[in-house]
Amino acid sequence: MNSYIYLDHAATSPMNGQVIEAMTTAMQQVFGNASSIHGAGREARKYLDDARDILAKSIGAQAGEIIFTSGGTEADNTAILGTVYARAKEGKHIITTQVEHHAVLHTCEKLERDGFDVTYLPVDKTGRVAVEDVQKALRDDTILVTIMYGNNEVGTIQPIAEIGELLQGHQATFHTDAVQAYGLEQIDVGQLKVDLLSVSAHKINGPKGIGFLFQKAGTPLANYALGGAQEKKRRAGTENIPAIIGFATAVQVANQLREEKRSLYNHFKQIMLDIFSQENLAFHINGNEEQSLPHVLNISFEGMEVESFLVNLDMAGICVSSGSACTAGSIDPSHVLVAMFGQGTEELRNSIRFSFGQDLTEKDIRDAAEKTAQIVKRLAKR
């Protein structure tokens, strides 16, 4: 048994037991190369095809529209670089937001250095972008709009369907990073009207190192991983069959438990908020309370300094974070909170993200909330 309470599921999640079992069996029995024509290869190909079908159905797509990647970062990179390299002759303008994951932001910054023009849209104090701002930013030479579905730091859900509708009369390819939302939000690419969508397995109790990019049929996309003819020549490299089987298993489990988990995590949020209120803590929620992922709760505690706060929480056996997992160890303020509140504001120094996932109990949440309250009170006295 772990001696800590893990409340950092937005960073990564433990593997589900069914996933481990499916992958263990696959590693023992399914060793063929899915590109080989012999029996072992054909067996691997069948598992690959079955998994692709499961993943496609989970977002209302066709099997041929799924490209396996090494995770969300590669899926985002493939979507952005693949689009602009395929469409560079049609325009040089890209639209994104200031609160995207670094897998998107750093890719856009690279493209700026390569001569592309990127518009970084602002968000309101809840972290939500305005559809009107997207509309105003659109130009005749806009070839890509990339806006995340749900924010990994504060949980705010963006108006993806409305933006998708807006772009119906425009040439721009529409990509959404759905890494944090997938598995908890009901996602249908047809309803959202997106052309590209990124997903990662390790956020939904699957293995690390595997994800997919949905590419709507007919959407231009240049491949930049060169080699074999895998993934219909869109992404070279021998497929990781055990991880793909684990991914598909995680998706099946997530689909079965989605509504149950949504209800439970919203309940967990309320428990924490009630305890913080009962303890008379000075705090407020960072994010959009109406449009929010159920498992992410980002809170600003008045008078706290995030570094000492995190150390004290860790010493108390509570695993949380102060922002994106990909900037762990950095003392730079969260770019998401900067976009929401501005430079130099209190929220940059006193905000903590709690995120929920499998195996947590109501007792865990109560214990964590009570310990957090004790730490806040103790540090505030200093």
Protein backbone atom coordinates (compact mmCIF):
# COMPACT_ATOMS: atom_id res chain seq x y z
CA MET A 1 0.00 0.00 0.00
CA ASN A 2 1.21 3.50 -0.81
CA SER A 3 1.60 5.81 2.18
CA TYR A 4 0.62 8.85 0.13
CA ILE A 5 -2.61 10.17 -1.36
CA TYR A 6 -2.09 10.64 -5.09
CA LEU A 7 -3.99 13.71 -6.32
CA ASP A 8 -2.00 14.40 -9.49
CA HIS A 9 -3.90 12.29 -12.03
CA ALA A 10 -3.85 15.13 -14.56
CA ALA A 11 -0.07 14.65 -14.73
CA THR A 12 -0.31 10.89 -15.19
CA SER A 13 -2.49 8.07 -13.92
CA PRO A 14 -1.76 4.58 -12.56
CA MET A 15 -2.44 1.74 -14.97
CA ASN A 16 -5.71 -0.09 -14.60
CA GLY A 17 -5.39 -3.77 -13.59
CA GLN A 18 -7.18 -4.95 -16.72
CA VAL A 19 -4.73 -2.94 -18.82
CA ILE A 20 -1.73 -4.52 -17.09
CA GLU A 21 -3.20 -7.97 -17.58
CA ALA A 22 -3.93 -7.39 -21.28
CA MET A 23 -0.45 -5.97 -21.90
CA THR A 24 1.29 -8.77 -20.00
CA THR A 25 -0.50 -11.37 -22.10
CA ALA A 26 0.34 -9.45 -25.27
CA MET A 27 4.02 -9.18 -24.37
CA GLN A 28 4.13 -12.93 -23.79
CA GLN A 29 2.14 -14.02 -26.84
CA VAL A 30 1.81 -11.29 -29.49
CA PHE A 31 5.36 -10.61 -30.66
CA GLY A 32 4.92 -10.44 -34.44
CA ASN A 33 5.51 -7.38 -36.61
CA ALA A 34 2.13 -6.22 -37.91
CA SER A 35 3.73 -5.48 -41.30
CA SER A 36 4.85 -9.11 -41.78
CA ILE A 37 2.69 -11.37 -43.96
CA HIS A 38 3.29 -14.60 -42.05
CA GLY A 39 1.08 -15.98 -39.29
CA ALA A 40 2.73 -14.15 -36.39
CA GLY A 41 2.52 -10.88 -38.32
CA ARG A 42 -1.11 -11.42 -39.24
CA GLU A 43 -1.97 -12.12 -35.60
CA ALA A 44 -0.34 -8.84 -34.56
CA ARG A 45 -2.18 -7.07 -37.38
CA LYS A 46 -5.53 -8.34 -36.13
CA TYR A 47 -4.88 -6.97 -32.63
CA LEU A 48 -3.78 -3.68 -34.19
CA ASP A 49 -6.90 -3.44 -36.35
CA ASP A 50 -9.23 -4.34 -33.47
CA ALA A 51 -7.64 -1.71 -31.22
CA ARG A 52 -7.84 0.93 -33.93
CA ASP A 53 -11.53 0.19 -34.35
CA ILE A 54 -12.17 0.55 -30.59
CA LEU A 55 -10.37 3.88 -30.46
CA ALA A 56 -12.11 5.22 -33.56
CA LYS A 57 -15.56 4.34 -32.21
CA SER A 58 -14.75 6.10 -28.92
CA ILE A 59 -14.76 9.47 -30.72
CA GLY A 60 -17.23 8.73 -33.52
CA ALA A 61 -14.52 8.31 -36.16
CA GLN A 62 -13.62 5.73 -38.79
CA ALA A 63 -10.77 3.29 -38.14
CA GLY A 64 -8.73 4.67 -41.04
CA GLU A 65 -8.78 8.12 -39.43
CA ILE A 66 -6.68 7.01 -36.42
CA ILE A 67 -2.89 7.44 -36.46
CA PHE A 68 -0.99 5.82 -33.58
CA THR A 69 1.67 8.03 -31.99
CA SER A 70 3.99 7.84 -28.98
CA GLY A 71 1.61 10.04 -26.98
CA GLY A 72 -0.07 13.42 -26.81
CA THR A 73 3.05 15.46 -27.53
CA GLU A 74 3.78 13.64 -30.76
CA ALA A 75 0.12 13.80 -31.73
CA ASP A 76 0.12 17.60 -31.21
CA ASN A 77 3.40 17.99 -33.09
CA THR A 78 2.15 15.83 -35.94
CA ALA A 79 -1.10 17.78 -36.18
CA ILE A 80 0.56 21.19 -36.22
CA LEU A 81 3.71 20.55 -38.23
CA GLY A 82 1.93 18.10 -40.52
CA THR A 83 -0.73 20.68 -41.34
CA VAL A 84 1.52 23.67 -41.95
CA TYR A 85 4.01 21.71 -44.05
CA ALA A 86 1.16 20.31 -46.14
CA ARG A 87 -0.52 23.70 -46.56
CA ALA A 88 2.35 26.21 -46.49
CA LYS A 89 1.58 27.37 -50.03
CA GLU A 90 -1.98 28.29 -48.98
CA GLY A 91 -1.01 30.59 -46.12
CA LYS A 92 1.30 31.25 -43.19
CA HIS A 93 -1.12 32.13 -40.40
CA ILE A 94 -1.91 30.00 -37.33
CA ILE A 95 -4.33 30.72 -34.49
CA THR A 96 -3.94 29.26 -31.01
CA THR A 97 -4.46 30.41 -27.42
CA GLN A 98 -2.15 31.55 -24.64
CA VAL A 99 -3.18 28.61 -22.40
CA GLU A 100 -2.27 25.65 -24.61
CA HIS A 101 -0.06 22.80 -23.47
CA HIS A 102 3.63 23.38 -24.21
CA ALA A 103 3.48 20.63 -26.84
CA VAL A 104 1.39 23.11 -28.84
CA LEU A 105 2.94 26.40 -27.75
CA HIS A 106 6.56 25.38 -28.30
CA THR A 107 5.68 23.95 -31.71
CA CYS A 108 4.01 27.22 -32.68
CA GLU A 109 7.05 29.17 -31.43
CA LYS A 110 9.28 27.02 -33.63
CA LEU A 111 7.05 27.79 -36.61
CA GLU A 112 7.30 31.52 -35.87
CA ARG A 113 11.08 31.16 -36.17
CA ASP A 114 10.48 29.40 -39.49
CA GLY A 115 8.52 32.37 -40.84
CA PHE A 116 4.93 31.54 -39.92
CA ASP A 117 2.66 34.12 -38.25
CA VAL A 118 1.00 32.92 -35.03
CA THR A 119 -1.83 34.64 -33.18
CA TYR A 120 -2.00 33.70 -29.47
CA LEU A 121 -5.53 34.49 -28.34
CA PRO A 122 -6.13 35.74 -24.79
CA VAL A 123 -8.56 34.10 -22.36
CA ASP A 124 -10.84 35.54 -19.70
CA LYS A 125 -10.23 35.18 -15.95
CA THR A 126 -11.77 31.69 -16.05
CA GLY A 127 -9.34 30.54 -18.74
CA ARG A 128 -11.90 30.45 -21.55
CA VAL A 129 -11.37 31.84 -25.03
CA ALA A 130 -14.13 33.84 -26.75
CA VAL A 131 -15.49 32.51 -30.05
CA GLU A 132 -15.69 36.14 -31.19
CA ASP A 133 -11.94 36.49 -30.71
CA VAL A 134 -11.34 33.47 -32.91
CA GLN A 135 -13.59 34.99 -35.55
CA LYS A 136 -11.79 38.35 -35.40
CA ALA A 137 -8.39 36.68 -35.67
CA LEU A 138 -9.30 34.67 -38.80
CA ARG A 139 -7.62 35.80 -42.01
CA ASP A 140 -7.75 34.62 -45.59
CA ASP A 141 -4.30 33.06 -45.11
CA THR A 142 -5.15 31.22 -41.85
CA ILE A 143 -4.36 27.55 -42.43
CA LEU A 144 -4.60 26.17 -38.89
CA VAL A 145 -6.59 26.81 -35.72
CA THR A 146 -5.37 24.75 -32.74
CA ILE A 147 -7.28 25.11 -29.45
CA MET A 148 -7.31 22.60 -26.61
CA TYR A 149 -10.53 20.91 -25.50
CA GLY A 150 -9.96 21.07 -21.72
CA ASN A 151 -7.10 22.76 -19.89
CA ASN A 152 -4.68 20.52 -18.03
CA GLU A 153 -3.93 23.08 -15.29
CA VAL A 154 -7.29 24.64 -14.42
CA GLY A 155 -9.75 22.29 -16.15
CA THR A 156 -11.56 24.94 -18.19
CA ILE A 157 -13.38 23.52 -21.23
CA GLN A 158 -13.18 25.56 -24.42
CA PRO A 159 -16.13 26.17 -26.81
CA ILE A 160 -14.81 23.67 -29.36
CA ALA A 161 -18.13 22.86 -31.05
CA GLU A 162 -18.91 26.57 -31.50
CA ILE A 163 -15.46 27.22 -32.97
CA GLY A 164 -15.88 24.19 -35.22
CA GLU A 165 -19.15 25.63 -36.47
CA LEU A 166 -17.51 29.02 -37.06
CA LEU A 167 -14.77 27.43 -39.18
CA GLN A 168 -17.17 25.60 -41.50
CA GLY A 169 -16.99 28.42 -44.00
CA HIS A 170 -13.22 28.84 -43.76
CA GLN A 171 -10.24 26.98 -45.26
CA ALA A 172 -8.44 26.55 -41.92
CA THR A 173 -7.78 23.07 -40.54
CA PHE A 174 -9.13 22.75 -36.98
CA HIS A 175 -7.12 20.82 -34.38
CA THR A 176 -7.93 20.23 -30.72
CA ASP A 177 -5.68 18.78 -28.03
CA ALA A 178 -8.14 16.53 -26.15
CA VAL A 179 -5.50 14.77 -24.02
CA GLN A 180 -6.91 15.92 -20.68
CA ALA A 181 -10.58 15.58 -21.65
CA TYR A 182 -10.57 12.18 -23.35
CA GLY A 183 -12.10 9.41 -21.29
CA LEU A 184 -14.19 11.74 -19.12
CA GLU A 185 -15.90 13.95 -21.70
CA GLN A 186 -18.18 12.45 -24.35
CA ILE A 187 -16.32 13.33 -27.53
CA ASP A 188 -17.76 13.08 -31.04
CA VAL A 189 -15.52 14.50 -33.76
CA GLY A 190 -18.49 14.94 -36.09
CA GLN A 191 -20.38 17.07 -33.61
CA LEU A 192 -17.28 19.06 -32.74
CA LYS A 193 -16.45 19.55 -36.43
CA VAL A 194 -12.72 19.10 -35.80
CA ASP A 195 -10.28 17.89 -38.45
CA LEU A 196 -7.56 16.72 -36.06
CA LEU A 197 -7.71 15.58 -32.42
CA SER A 198 -4.91 14.46 -30.07
CA VAL A 199 -5.17 11.82 -27.33
CA SER A 200 -2.78 10.11 -24.89
CA ALA A 201 -3.24 6.76 -23.09
CA HIS A 202 -1.50 7.47 -19.79
CA LYS A 203 -4.09 10.05 -18.74
CA ILE A 204 -6.83 7.36 -18.74
CA ASN A 205 -5.04 4.60 -16.80
CA GLY A 206 -3.34 3.23 -19.89
CA PRO A 207 0.39 2.87 -20.60
CA LYS A 208 2.80 5.73 -21.18
CA GLY A 209 4.34 6.07 -24.62
CA ILE A 210 1.21 5.57 -26.74
CA GLY A 211 -1.45 7.92 -28.08
CA PHE A 212 -3.27 8.70 -31.28
CA LEU A 213 -4.05 11.51 -33.66
CA PHE A 214 -7.45 11.57 -35.33
CA GLN A 215 -7.14 12.81 -38.90
CA LYS A 216 -10.47 13.41 -40.60
CA ALA A 217 -10.58 11.80 -44.02
CA GLY A 218 -9.33 14.25 -46.64
CA THR A 219 -7.50 16.52 -44.19
CA PRO A 220 -4.07 17.49 -45.58
CA LEU A 221 -1.23 16.26 -43.36
CA ALA A 222 2.46 15.93 -44.22
CA ASN A 223 4.32 13.08 -42.55
CA TYR A 224 7.64 13.91 -40.93
CA ALA A 225 8.48 10.50 -39.40
CA LEU A 226 10.04 8.84 -42.41
CA GLY A 227 10.82 5.15 -42.91
CA GLY A 228 8.38 2.31 -43.46
CA ALA A 229 4.80 2.35 -44.70
CA GLN A 230 3.09 1.95 -41.31
CA GLU A 231 -0.09 3.86 -40.47
CA LYS A 232 -0.92 4.22 -44.17
CA LYS A 233 2.48 5.92 -44.67
CA ARG A 234 1.50 8.67 -42.22
CA ARG A 235 3.79 7.63 -39.36
CA ALA A 236 6.71 5.29 -39.92
CA GLY A 237 7.89 2.85 -37.27
CA THR A 238 6.95 -0.64 -36.10
CA GLU A 239 3.76 -0.41 -34.05
CA ASN A 240 3.94 -1.04 -30.30
CA ILE A 241 1.30 -3.77 -30.19
CA PRO A 242 1.30 -4.44 -26.40
CA ALA A 243 0.91 -0.71 -25.65
CA ILE A 244 -1.79 -0.37 -28.29
CA ILE A 245 -3.68 -3.33 -26.79
CA GLY A 246 -3.31 -1.71 -23.36
CA PHE A 247 -4.57 1.59 -24.75
CA ALA A 248 -7.66 -0.04 -26.26
CA THR A 249 -8.37 -1.87 -22.99
CA ALA A 250 -8.07 1.40 -21.04
CA VAL A 251 -10.54 3.02 -23.43
CA GLN A 252 -13.05 0.23 -22.99
CA VAL A 253 -12.83 0.54 -19.19
CA ALA A 254 -13.07 4.34 -19.37
CA ASN A 255 -16.17 4.15 -21.58
CA GLN A 256 -17.90 1.82 -19.12
CA LEU A 257 -17.10 4.01 -16.10
CA ARG A 258 -17.33 7.50 -17.61
CA GLU A 259 -20.55 8.73 -16.02
CA GLU A 260 -19.78 7.07 -12.70
CA LYS A 261 -16.37 8.74 -12.58
CA ARG A 262 -17.72 12.15 -13.61
CA SER A 263 -20.22 12.06 -10.77
CA LEU A 264 -17.62 10.81 -8.27
CA TYR A 265 -14.99 13.41 -9.16
CA ASN A 266 -17.50 16.27 -8.97
CA HIS A 267 -18.44 14.89 -5.55
CA PHE A 268 -14.76 14.91 -4.57
CA LYS A 269 -14.49 18.55 -5.65
CA GLN A 270 -17.41 19.51 -3.45
CA ILE A 271 -16.00 17.65 -0.44
CA MET A 272 -12.71 19.56 -0.70
CA LEU A 273 -14.41 22.90 -1.17
CA ASP A 274 -16.76 22.28 1.77
CA ILE A 275 -13.87 21.39 4.06
CA PHE A 276 -11.83 24.43 3.00
CA SER A 277 -14.88 26.61 3.70
CA GLN A 278 -15.56 24.95 7.05
CA GLU A 279 -11.93 25.56 8.03
CA ASN A 280 -12.40 29.26 7.18
CA LEU A 281 -9.59 29.28 4.62
CA ALA A 282 -9.27 32.25 2.30
CA PHE A 283 -9.34 30.66 -1.17
CA HIS A 284 -10.93 30.78 -4.59
CA ILE A 285 -11.21 28.43 -7.56
CA ASN A 286 -9.09 29.12 -10.64
CA GLY A 287 -11.04 28.16 -13.75
CA ASN A 288 -14.55 28.09 -15.11
CA GLU A 289 -16.88 26.44 -12.60
CA GLU A 290 -19.65 25.83 -15.16
CA GLN A 291 -17.46 24.62 -18.03
CA SER A 292 -14.85 22.42 -16.34
CA LEU A 293 -13.32 18.97 -16.47
CA PRO A 294 -14.65 16.98 -13.49
CA HIS A 295 -11.28 15.74 -12.26
CA VAL A 296 -9.30 19.00 -12.13
CA LEU A 297 -9.55 21.46 -9.24
CA ASN A 298 -7.10 24.38 -9.18
CA ILE A 299 -7.28 26.54 -6.05
CA SER A 300 -5.61 29.77 -4.99
CA PHE A 301 -4.95 29.87 -1.23
CA GLU A 302 -4.39 33.36 0.13
CA GLY A 303 -1.02 33.93 1.76
CA MET A 304 0.69 30.79 0.46
CA GLU A 305 4.01 30.49 -1.40
CA VAL A 306 3.80 27.60 -3.80
CA GLU A 307 7.29 26.15 -3.28
CA SER A 308 7.01 25.75 0.50
CA PHE A 309 3.34 24.78 0.13
CA LEU A 310 4.21 21.89 -2.21
CA VAL A 311 7.05 20.71 0.04
CA ASN A 312 4.76 20.67 3.07
CA LEU A 313 2.01 18.86 1.17
CA ASP A 314 4.52 16.27 -0.01
CA MET A 315 5.81 15.76 3.54
CA ALA A 316 2.20 15.20 4.60
CA GLY A 317 1.87 12.49 1.95
CA ILE A 318 -0.24 14.47 -0.51
CA CYS A 319 0.86 14.37 -4.16
CA VAL A 320 -0.34 17.47 -6.03
CA SER A 321 1.22 19.96 -8.43
CA SER A 322 1.32 23.68 -9.09
CA GLY A 323 0.68 23.45 -12.81
CA SER A 324 1.64 21.49 -15.87
CA ALA A 325 3.55 18.29 -15.21
CA CYS A 326 5.83 19.12 -18.11
CA THR A 327 7.22 22.12 -16.21
CA ALA A 328 7.87 20.18 -13.00
CA GLY A 329 10.95 21.51 -11.24
CA SER A 330 10.59 24.90 -12.88
CA ILE A 331 10.04 27.98 -10.72
CA ASP A 332 8.57 29.92 -13.64
CA PRO A 333 4.97 30.92 -13.01
CA SER A 334 2.26 28.97 -14.83
CA HIS A 335 1.69 30.45 -18.28
CA VAL A 336 -1.98 29.49 -17.92
CA LEU A 337 -2.42 31.54 -14.74
CA VAL A 338 -0.44 34.42 -16.28
CA ALA A 339 -2.86 34.42 -19.22
CA MET A 340 -5.85 34.36 -16.85
CA PHE A 341 -4.73 36.88 -14.22
CA GLY A 342 -1.71 38.78 -15.57
CA GLN A 343 1.91 39.10 -14.45
CA GLY A 344 2.71 39.52 -10.76
CA THR A 345 -0.65 38.47 -9.36
CA GLU A 346 -1.12 36.46 -6.18
CA GLU A 347 -2.50 33.45 -8.05
CA LEU A 348 0.90 32.83 -9.64
CA ARG A 349 2.42 32.23 -6.20
CA ASN A 350 -0.30 30.46 -4.25
CA SER A 351 -2.18 28.09 -6.57
CA ILE A 352 -2.31 24.30 -6.31
CA ARG A 353 -3.88 21.76 -8.68
CA PHE A 354 -5.68 18.76 -7.21
CA SER A 355 -6.66 16.15 -9.80
CA PHE A 356 -8.62 12.97 -9.21
CA GLY A 357 -8.53 9.45 -10.64
CA GLN A 358 -8.91 5.74 -10.07
CA ASP A 359 -8.77 4.09 -6.62
CA LEU A 360 -9.37 7.29 -4.65
CA THR A 361 -11.93 7.09 -1.85
CA GLU A 362 -14.02 9.70 -0.11
CA LYS A 363 -11.82 9.16 2.96
CA ASP A 364 -8.70 9.95 0.89
CA ILE A 365 -10.25 13.22 -0.25
CA ARG A 366 -11.35 14.21 3.25
CA ASP A 367 -7.94 13.36 4.70
CA ALA A 368 -6.16 15.32 1.98
CA ALA A 369 -8.44 18.33 2.38
CA GLU A 370 -8.05 18.37 6.17
CA LYS A 371 -4.27 18.05 5.97
CA THR A 372 -4.15 20.80 3.34
CA ALA A 373 -6.20 23.07 5.61
CA GLN A 374 -3.82 22.42 8.51
CA ILE A 375 -0.81 23.25 6.34
CA VAL A 376 -2.42 26.45 5.03
CA LYS A 377 -3.15 27.61 8.58
CA ARG A 378 0.36 26.76 9.79
CA LEU A 379 2.12 28.48 6.88
CA ALA A 380 -0.17 31.51 7.10
CA LYS A 381 0.99 32.14 10.68
CA ARG A 382 4.55 32.56 9.40
